Amino acid sequence: MIVADANLLVYLLVEGPHTAAARGVLRRDRSWAAPPLWQSEFGSALLRHVRRGDFGLPEAVAMVRHAVAIIEEREWRPSATRVLALALGSGRSTYDCEYVALAEERGVPLVTADAQVLEAFPRVAVAPEAFAARQVRAHA
């Protein structure tokens, strides 16, 4: 199992330069988890694409259904106090730290392309390309 941030789901379902890496992550581990926040972040990203005319609402709705099927019953709320402590200690947002805290609590990697999260949390966060290539360091 991994914790997937919302951008990883976007990369998987919206064709672009990061899609191949996201597909590699899914091939390596099909069990993706996320905090409930992922739905709002994912929806916001899709809305930007729809507003730009990249695709229409029916395609966005299909992507939401696909993402929900990927996360399935692995949507968990991390400890709010841990999220706050991580945010204060790292300078990252509480949004970012929800994913980090959930990964810590579950003892699994957080797969993200967010360079700032990767830098702030090298023991738990791993880039999609590295994860897909099985170059994952042990995490605490």
N, C-alpha and C. Protein backbone atom coordinates (compact mmCIF):
# COMPACT_ATOMS: atom_id res chain seq x y z
N MET A 1 0.84 -1.18 0.00
CA MET A 1 0.00 0.00 0.00
C MET A 1 0.88 1.24 0.00
N ILE A 2 0.39 2.29 -0.64
CA ILE A 2 1.02 3.60 -0.62
C ILE A 2 -0.02 4.65 -0.25
N VAL A 3 0.45 5.81 0.17
CA VAL A 3 -0.41 6.98 0.23
C VAL A 3 -0.12 7.76 -1.04
N ALA A 4 -1.15 8.07 -1.78
CA ALA A 4 -1.04 8.82 -3.03
C ALA A 4 -1.60 10.21 -2.83
N ASP A 5 -0.84 11.23 -3.20
CA ASP A 5 -1.42 12.57 -3.10
C ASP A 5 -2.34 12.78 -4.31
N ALA A 6 -3.15 13.82 -4.24
CA ALA A 6 -4.14 14.07 -5.29
C ALA A 6 -3.48 14.28 -6.65
N ASN A 7 -2.31 14.90 -6.65
CA ASN A 7 -1.64 15.12 -7.93
C ASN A 7 -1.25 13.81 -8.60
N LEU A 8 -0.90 12.79 -7.83
CA LEU A 8 -0.57 11.51 -8.42
C LEU A 8 -1.79 10.93 -9.14
N LEU A 9 -2.96 11.09 -8.54
CA LEU A 9 -4.19 10.65 -9.20
C LEU A 9 -4.44 11.44 -10.48
N VAL A 10 -4.19 12.74 -10.44
CA VAL A 10 -4.35 13.57 -11.64
C VAL A 10 -3.38 13.10 -12.71
N TYR A 11 -2.13 12.88 -12.33
CA TYR A 11 -1.14 12.42 -13.31
C TYR A 11 -1.54 11.09 -13.93
N LEU A 12 -2.15 10.23 -13.14
CA LEU A 12 -2.58 8.93 -13.64
C LEU A 12 -3.71 9.05 -14.64
N LEU A 13 -4.67 9.92 -14.35
CA LEU A 13 -5.91 9.94 -15.12
C LEU A 13 -5.99 11.03 -16.19
N VAL A 14 -5.15 12.06 -16.08
CA VAL A 14 -5.12 13.12 -17.08
C VAL A 14 -3.81 12.97 -17.84
N GLU A 15 -3.91 12.60 -19.09
CA GLU A 15 -2.71 12.34 -19.90
C GLU A 15 -1.79 13.56 -19.91
N GLY A 16 -0.53 13.32 -19.60
CA GLY A 16 0.45 14.39 -19.57
C GLY A 16 1.85 13.85 -19.35
N PRO A 17 2.80 14.72 -19.08
CA PRO A 17 4.20 14.28 -18.96
C PRO A 17 4.48 13.36 -17.78
N HIS A 18 3.62 13.35 -16.77
CA HIS A 18 3.84 12.52 -15.59
C HIS A 18 3.01 11.23 -15.59
N THR A 19 2.23 11.02 -16.64
CA THR A 19 1.32 9.88 -16.68
C THR A 19 2.07 8.55 -16.67
N ALA A 20 3.14 8.45 -17.40
CA ALA A 20 3.89 7.17 -17.45
C ALA A 20 4.40 6.79 -16.07
N ALA A 21 4.93 7.76 -15.33
CA ALA A 21 5.42 7.47 -13.98
C ALA A 21 4.28 7.05 -13.06
N ALA A 22 3.14 7.73 -13.15
CA ALA A 22 1.99 7.37 -12.31
C ALA A 22 1.50 5.96 -12.64
N ARG A 23 1.49 5.62 -13.92
CA ARG A 23 1.10 4.25 -14.30
C ARG A 23 2.10 3.23 -13.76
N GLY A 24 3.37 3.60 -13.74
CA GLY A 24 4.38 2.72 -13.17
C GLY A 24 4.16 2.48 -11.69
N VAL A 25 3.74 3.52 -10.97
CA VAL A 25 3.42 3.38 -9.55
C VAL A 25 2.24 2.41 -9.38
N LEU A 26 1.22 2.57 -10.20
CA LEU A 26 0.04 1.70 -10.09
C LEU A 26 0.39 0.25 -10.42
N ARG A 27 1.28 0.04 -11.39
CA ARG A 27 1.71 -1.32 -11.71
C ARG A 27 2.45 -1.94 -10.52
N ARG A 28 3.24 -1.15 -9.83
CA ARG A 28 4.01 -1.66 -8.71
C ARG A 28 3.14 -1.91 -7.48
N ASP A 29 2.17 -1.02 -7.25
CA ASP A 29 1.30 -1.15 -6.06
C ASP A 29 -0.08 -0.62 -6.41
N ARG A 30 -1.06 -1.49 -6.42
CA ARG A 30 -2.42 -1.12 -6.81
C ARG A 30 -3.26 -0.67 -5.62
N SER A 31 -2.69 -0.69 -4.43
CA SER A 31 -3.42 -0.36 -3.22
C SER A 31 -3.04 1.06 -2.79
N TRP A 32 -3.86 2.04 -3.20
CA TRP A 32 -3.59 3.44 -2.92
C TRP A 32 -4.53 3.93 -1.82
N ALA A 33 -3.98 4.70 -0.88
CA ALA A 33 -4.76 5.29 0.20
C ALA A 33 -4.58 6.81 0.16
N ALA A 34 -5.49 7.53 0.81
CA ALA A 34 -5.41 8.99 0.87
C ALA A 34 -6.30 9.51 1.98
N PRO A 35 -5.99 10.70 2.49
CA PRO A 35 -6.91 11.34 3.42
C PRO A 35 -8.11 11.88 2.65
N PRO A 36 -9.25 12.11 3.30
CA PRO A 36 -10.44 12.60 2.60
C PRO A 36 -10.20 13.88 1.79
N LEU A 37 -9.23 14.65 2.17
CA LEU A 37 -8.88 15.88 1.47
C LEU A 37 -8.61 15.64 -0.02
N TRP A 38 -8.19 14.44 -0.39
CA TRP A 38 -7.83 14.18 -1.78
C TRP A 38 -8.98 14.51 -2.74
N GLN A 39 -10.21 14.29 -2.30
CA GLN A 39 -11.35 14.51 -3.20
C GLN A 39 -11.48 15.98 -3.62
N SER A 40 -11.32 16.88 -2.67
CA SER A 40 -11.40 18.31 -3.00
C SER A 40 -10.23 18.74 -3.86
N GLU A 41 -9.04 18.28 -3.54
CA GLU A 41 -7.87 18.65 -4.33
C GLU A 41 -7.96 18.07 -5.75
N PHE A 42 -8.39 16.85 -5.86
CA PHE A 42 -8.54 16.21 -7.16
C PHE A 42 -9.61 16.94 -7.98
N GLY A 43 -10.73 17.23 -7.35
CA GLY A 43 -11.80 17.96 -8.03
C GLY A 43 -11.36 19.33 -8.51
N SER A 44 -10.59 20.04 -7.70
CA SER A 44 -10.09 21.36 -8.09
C SER A 44 -9.18 21.27 -9.31
N ALA A 45 -8.33 20.25 -9.33
CA ALA A 45 -7.43 20.07 -10.48
C ALA A 45 -8.23 19.75 -11.74
N LEU A 46 -9.22 18.89 -11.62
CA LEU A 46 -10.04 18.58 -12.79
C LEU A 46 -10.82 19.80 -13.26
N LEU A 47 -11.32 20.60 -12.34
CA LEU A 47 -12.06 21.80 -12.69
C LEU A 47 -11.19 22.76 -13.51
N ARG A 48 -9.92 22.90 -13.14
CA ARG A 48 -9.00 23.76 -13.92
C ARG A 48 -8.90 23.24 -15.36
N HIS A 49 -8.80 21.94 -15.52
CA HIS A 49 -8.72 21.35 -16.87
C HIS A 49 -10.00 21.59 -17.66
N VAL A 50 -11.15 21.41 -17.00
CA VAL A 50 -12.43 21.63 -17.69
C VAL A 50 -12.55 23.10 -18.09
N ARG A 51 -12.22 24.00 -17.20
CA ARG A 51 -12.32 25.43 -17.51
C ARG A 51 -11.39 25.85 -18.64
N ARG A 52 -10.25 25.18 -18.76
CA ARG A 52 -9.31 25.47 -19.85
C ARG A 52 -9.75 24.84 -21.17
N GLY A 53 -10.71 23.94 -21.09
CA GLY A 53 -11.19 23.28 -22.29
C GLY A 53 -10.40 22.03 -22.66
N ASP A 54 -9.60 21.51 -21.71
CA ASP A 54 -8.82 20.29 -21.98
C ASP A 54 -9.72 19.08 -22.19
N PHE A 55 -10.84 19.06 -21.47
CA PHE A 55 -11.86 18.02 -21.61
C PHE A 55 -13.12 18.54 -20.97
N GLY A 56 -14.22 17.83 -21.17
CA GLY A 56 -15.51 18.29 -20.66
C GLY A 56 -15.90 17.66 -19.34
N LEU A 57 -17.05 18.08 -18.85
CA LEU A 57 -17.57 17.57 -17.59
C LEU A 57 -17.77 16.06 -17.61
N PRO A 58 -18.30 15.46 -18.68
CA PRO A 58 -18.46 14.00 -18.67
C PRO A 58 -17.13 13.26 -18.46
N GLU A 59 -16.06 13.75 -19.08
CA GLU A 59 -14.75 13.12 -18.90
C GLU A 59 -14.26 13.31 -17.46
N ALA A 60 -14.48 14.50 -16.91
CA ALA A 60 -14.07 14.76 -15.53
C ALA A 60 -14.83 13.85 -14.56
N VAL A 61 -16.12 13.67 -14.79
CA VAL A 61 -16.93 12.79 -13.93
C VAL A 61 -16.42 11.36 -14.01
N ALA A 62 -16.07 10.91 -15.21
CA ALA A 62 -15.53 9.56 -15.36
C ALA A 62 -14.20 9.43 -14.61
N MET A 63 -13.38 10.47 -14.64
CA MET A 63 -12.11 10.44 -13.92
C MET A 63 -12.33 10.39 -12.40
N VAL A 64 -13.32 11.12 -11.92
CA VAL A 64 -13.65 11.08 -10.49
C VAL A 64 -14.06 9.65 -10.10
N ARG A 65 -14.89 9.04 -10.90
CA ARG A 65 -15.33 7.67 -10.60
C ARG A 65 -14.15 6.70 -10.60
N HIS A 66 -13.23 6.89 -11.55
CA HIS A 66 -12.06 6.03 -11.62
C HIS A 66 -11.18 6.24 -10.38
N ALA A 67 -10.98 7.49 -9.99
CA ALA A 67 -10.16 7.78 -8.81
C ALA A 67 -10.78 7.20 -7.55
N VAL A 68 -12.08 7.33 -7.40
CA VAL A 68 -12.77 6.77 -6.24
C VAL A 68 -12.57 5.26 -6.21
N ALA A 69 -12.63 4.62 -7.37
CA ALA A 69 -12.43 3.17 -7.43
C ALA A 69 -11.00 2.79 -7.02
N ILE A 70 -10.03 3.64 -7.33
CA ILE A 70 -8.64 3.36 -6.96
C ILE A 70 -8.47 3.46 -5.45
N ILE A 71 -9.01 4.51 -4.86
CA ILE A 71 -8.87 4.71 -3.41
C ILE A 71 -9.78 3.74 -2.65
N GLU A 72 -10.95 3.45 -3.18
CA GLU A 72 -11.93 2.54 -2.59
C GLU A 72 -12.10 2.76 -1.10
N GLU A 73 -11.85 1.75 -0.30
CA GLU A 73 -12.07 1.81 1.14
C GLU A 73 -10.83 2.23 1.91
N ARG A 74 -9.88 2.84 1.25
CA ARG A 74 -8.62 3.23 1.90
C ARG A 74 -8.52 4.75 2.03
N GLU A 75 -9.58 5.35 2.47
CA GLU A 75 -9.61 6.78 2.74
C GLU A 75 -9.69 6.95 4.26
N TRP A 76 -8.61 7.45 4.85
CA TRP A 76 -8.54 7.58 6.30
C TRP A 76 -8.11 8.99 6.69
N ARG A 77 -8.65 9.45 7.80
CA ARG A 77 -8.31 10.77 8.32
C ARG A 77 -7.12 10.62 9.28
N PRO A 78 -6.02 11.33 9.01
CA PRO A 78 -4.87 11.25 9.92
C PRO A 78 -5.11 12.08 11.18
N SER A 79 -4.25 11.89 12.15
CA SER A 79 -4.32 12.63 13.41
C SER A 79 -4.13 14.13 13.16
N ALA A 80 -5.12 14.91 13.56
CA ALA A 80 -5.05 16.36 13.37
C ALA A 80 -3.87 16.98 14.13
N THR A 81 -3.56 16.45 15.30
CA THR A 81 -2.44 17.01 16.06
C THR A 81 -1.12 16.68 15.38
N ARG A 82 -1.01 15.50 14.79
CA ARG A 82 0.21 15.14 14.07
C ARG A 82 0.36 16.00 12.81
N VAL A 83 -0.74 16.24 12.12
CA VAL A 83 -0.71 17.09 10.92
C VAL A 83 -0.20 18.48 11.29
N LEU A 84 -0.73 19.04 12.35
CA LEU A 84 -0.31 20.38 12.77
C LEU A 84 1.17 20.40 13.16
N ALA A 85 1.61 19.39 13.90
CA ALA A 85 3.02 19.32 14.31
C ALA A 85 3.93 19.22 13.09
N LEU A 86 3.55 18.39 12.12
CA LEU A 86 4.36 18.26 10.90
C LEU A 86 4.43 19.57 10.14
N ALA A 87 3.30 20.26 10.04
CA ALA A 87 3.26 21.53 9.31
C ALA A 87 4.12 22.58 10.00
N LEU A 88 4.01 22.65 11.32
CA LEU A 88 4.82 23.63 12.06
C LEU A 88 6.30 23.34 11.95
N GLY A 89 6.66 22.07 11.99
CA GLY A 89 8.06 21.69 11.94
C GLY A 89 8.70 21.77 10.56
N SER A 90 7.87 21.71 9.53
CA SER A 90 8.43 21.64 8.17
C SER A 90 8.23 22.91 7.35
N GLY A 91 7.28 23.72 7.74
CA GLY A 91 6.94 24.88 6.94
C GLY A 91 6.00 24.56 5.78
N ARG A 92 5.58 23.32 5.68
CA ARG A 92 4.65 22.90 4.63
C ARG A 92 3.21 23.15 5.11
N SER A 93 2.28 23.09 4.20
CA SER A 93 0.87 23.33 4.55
C SER A 93 0.28 22.14 5.31
N THR A 94 -0.80 22.38 6.00
CA THR A 94 -1.49 21.27 6.65
C THR A 94 -2.06 20.33 5.60
N TYR A 95 -2.39 20.86 4.43
CA TYR A 95 -2.88 20.00 3.34
C TYR A 95 -1.82 18.96 2.98
N ASP A 96 -0.60 19.43 2.73
CA ASP A 96 0.50 18.50 2.42
C ASP A 96 0.72 17.52 3.56
N CYS A 97 0.67 18.03 4.77
CA CYS A 97 1.00 17.20 5.93
C CYS A 97 -0.07 16.17 6.26
N GLU A 98 -1.29 16.34 5.74
CA GLU A 98 -2.28 15.27 5.91
C GLU A 98 -1.80 14.00 5.23
N TYR A 99 -1.24 14.14 4.04
CA TYR A 99 -0.72 12.97 3.32
C TYR A 99 0.47 12.37 4.05
N VAL A 100 1.36 13.24 4.53
CA VAL A 100 2.55 12.77 5.24
C VAL A 100 2.15 12.03 6.51
N ALA A 101 1.26 12.62 7.29
CA ALA A 101 0.83 11.99 8.54
C ALA A 101 0.16 10.65 8.29
N LEU A 102 -0.66 10.57 7.26
CA LEU A 102 -1.32 9.30 6.96
C LEU A 102 -0.29 8.25 6.57
N ALA A 103 0.70 8.62 5.77
CA ALA A 103 1.75 7.67 5.39
C ALA A 103 2.51 7.19 6.62
N GLU A 104 2.84 8.13 7.51
CA GLU A 104 3.53 7.74 8.75
C GLU A 104 2.68 6.78 9.57
N GLU A 105 1.43 7.13 9.76
CA GLU A 105 0.53 6.32 10.59
C GLU A 105 0.35 4.91 10.02
N ARG A 106 0.32 4.79 8.72
CA ARG A 106 0.13 3.50 8.07
C ARG A 106 1.44 2.76 7.82
N GLY A 107 2.57 3.46 8.01
CA GLY A 107 3.87 2.84 7.79
C GLY A 107 4.15 2.52 6.34
N VAL A 108 3.67 3.39 5.45
CA VAL A 108 3.84 3.19 4.02
C VAL A 108 4.41 4.47 3.40
N PRO A 109 4.96 4.38 2.19
CA PRO A 109 5.48 5.59 1.56
C PRO A 109 4.36 6.50 1.05
N LEU A 110 4.67 7.79 1.03
CA LEU A 110 3.84 8.78 0.36
C LEU A 110 4.46 8.98 -1.02
N VAL A 111 3.72 8.70 -2.06
CA VAL A 111 4.23 8.90 -3.41
C VAL A 111 3.71 10.24 -3.91
N THR A 112 4.64 11.14 -4.19
CA THR A 112 4.30 12.50 -4.59
C THR A 112 5.38 13.06 -5.51
N ALA A 113 4.97 13.93 -6.40
CA ALA A 113 5.92 14.64 -7.26
C ALA A 113 6.20 16.04 -6.72
N ASP A 114 5.64 16.37 -5.58
CA ASP A 114 5.83 17.69 -4.98
C ASP A 114 7.25 17.81 -4.43
N ALA A 115 8.08 18.61 -5.10
CA ALA A 115 9.49 18.72 -4.73
C ALA A 115 9.67 19.22 -3.30
N GLN A 116 8.82 20.11 -2.85
CA GLN A 116 8.95 20.64 -1.49
C GLN A 116 8.62 19.57 -0.45
N VAL A 117 7.63 18.76 -0.71
CA VAL A 117 7.29 17.66 0.21
C VAL A 117 8.41 16.62 0.19
N LEU A 118 8.91 16.29 -0.99
CA LEU A 118 10.02 15.33 -1.09
C LEU A 118 11.22 15.81 -0.29
N GLU A 119 11.51 17.10 -0.35
CA GLU A 119 12.66 17.65 0.37
C GLU A 119 12.40 17.68 1.88
N ALA A 120 11.21 18.07 2.28
CA ALA A 120 10.89 18.20 3.71
C ALA A 120 10.73 16.86 4.42
N PHE A 121 10.33 15.83 3.68
CA PHE A 121 10.02 14.53 4.30
C PHE A 121 10.69 13.38 3.56
N PRO A 122 12.01 13.39 3.46
CA PRO A 122 12.70 12.36 2.67
C PRO A 122 12.58 10.94 3.23
N ARG A 123 12.20 10.80 4.48
CA ARG A 123 12.09 9.46 5.06
C ARG A 123 10.77 8.78 4.73
N VAL A 124 9.77 9.57 4.30
CA VAL A 124 8.46 8.99 4.00
C VAL A 124 8.02 9.27 2.56
N ALA A 125 8.46 10.39 1.98
CA ALA A 125 8.02 10.77 0.64
C ALA A 125 8.98 10.27 -0.42
N VAL A 126 8.42 9.79 -1.53
CA VAL A 126 9.22 9.27 -2.63
C VAL A 126 8.59 9.72 -3.94
N ALA A 127 9.42 10.05 -4.90
CA ALA A 127 8.95 10.48 -6.21
C ALA A 127 8.35 9.30 -6.97
N PRO A 128 7.37 9.55 -7.81
CA PRO A 128 6.75 8.46 -8.58
C PRO A 128 7.74 7.66 -9.41
N GLU A 129 8.66 8.34 -10.06
CA GLU A 129 9.63 7.64 -10.90
C GLU A 129 10.51 6.69 -10.07
N ALA A 130 10.93 7.15 -8.91
CA ALA A 130 11.76 6.32 -8.03
C ALA A 130 10.96 5.14 -7.50
N PHE A 131 9.72 5.38 -7.11
CA PHE A 131 8.89 4.30 -6.60
C PHE A 131 8.64 3.25 -7.69
N ALA A 132 8.29 3.72 -8.88
CA ALA A 132 8.01 2.80 -9.98
C ALA A 132 9.24 1.99 -10.37
N ALA A 133 10.43 2.57 -10.19
CA ALA A 133 11.67 1.88 -10.53
C ALA A 133 12.21 1.05 -9.38
N ARG A 134 11.45 0.99 -8.30
CA ARG A 134 11.83 0.22 -7.10
C ARG A 134 13.10 0.75 -6.44
N GLN A 135 13.28 2.05 -6.52
CA GLN A 135 14.44 2.69 -5.89
C GLN A 135 14.01 3.40 -4.61
N VAL A 136 13.16 2.75 -3.87
CA VAL A 136 12.61 3.36 -2.66
C VAL A 136 13.51 3.07 -1.48
N ARG A 137 13.88 4.14 -0.77
CA ARG A 137 14.65 3.97 0.46
C ARG A 137 13.72 3.53 1.59
N ALA A 138 14.29 2.84 2.55
CA ALA A 138 13.49 2.48 3.73
C ALA A 138 13.04 3.74 4.41
N HIS A 139 11.83 3.71 4.95
CA HIS A 139 11.31 4.87 5.65
C HIS A 139 11.03 4.50 7.10
N ALA A 140 10.91 5.54 7.90
CA ALA A 140 10.66 5.33 9.32
C ALA A 140 9.19 5.23 9.58
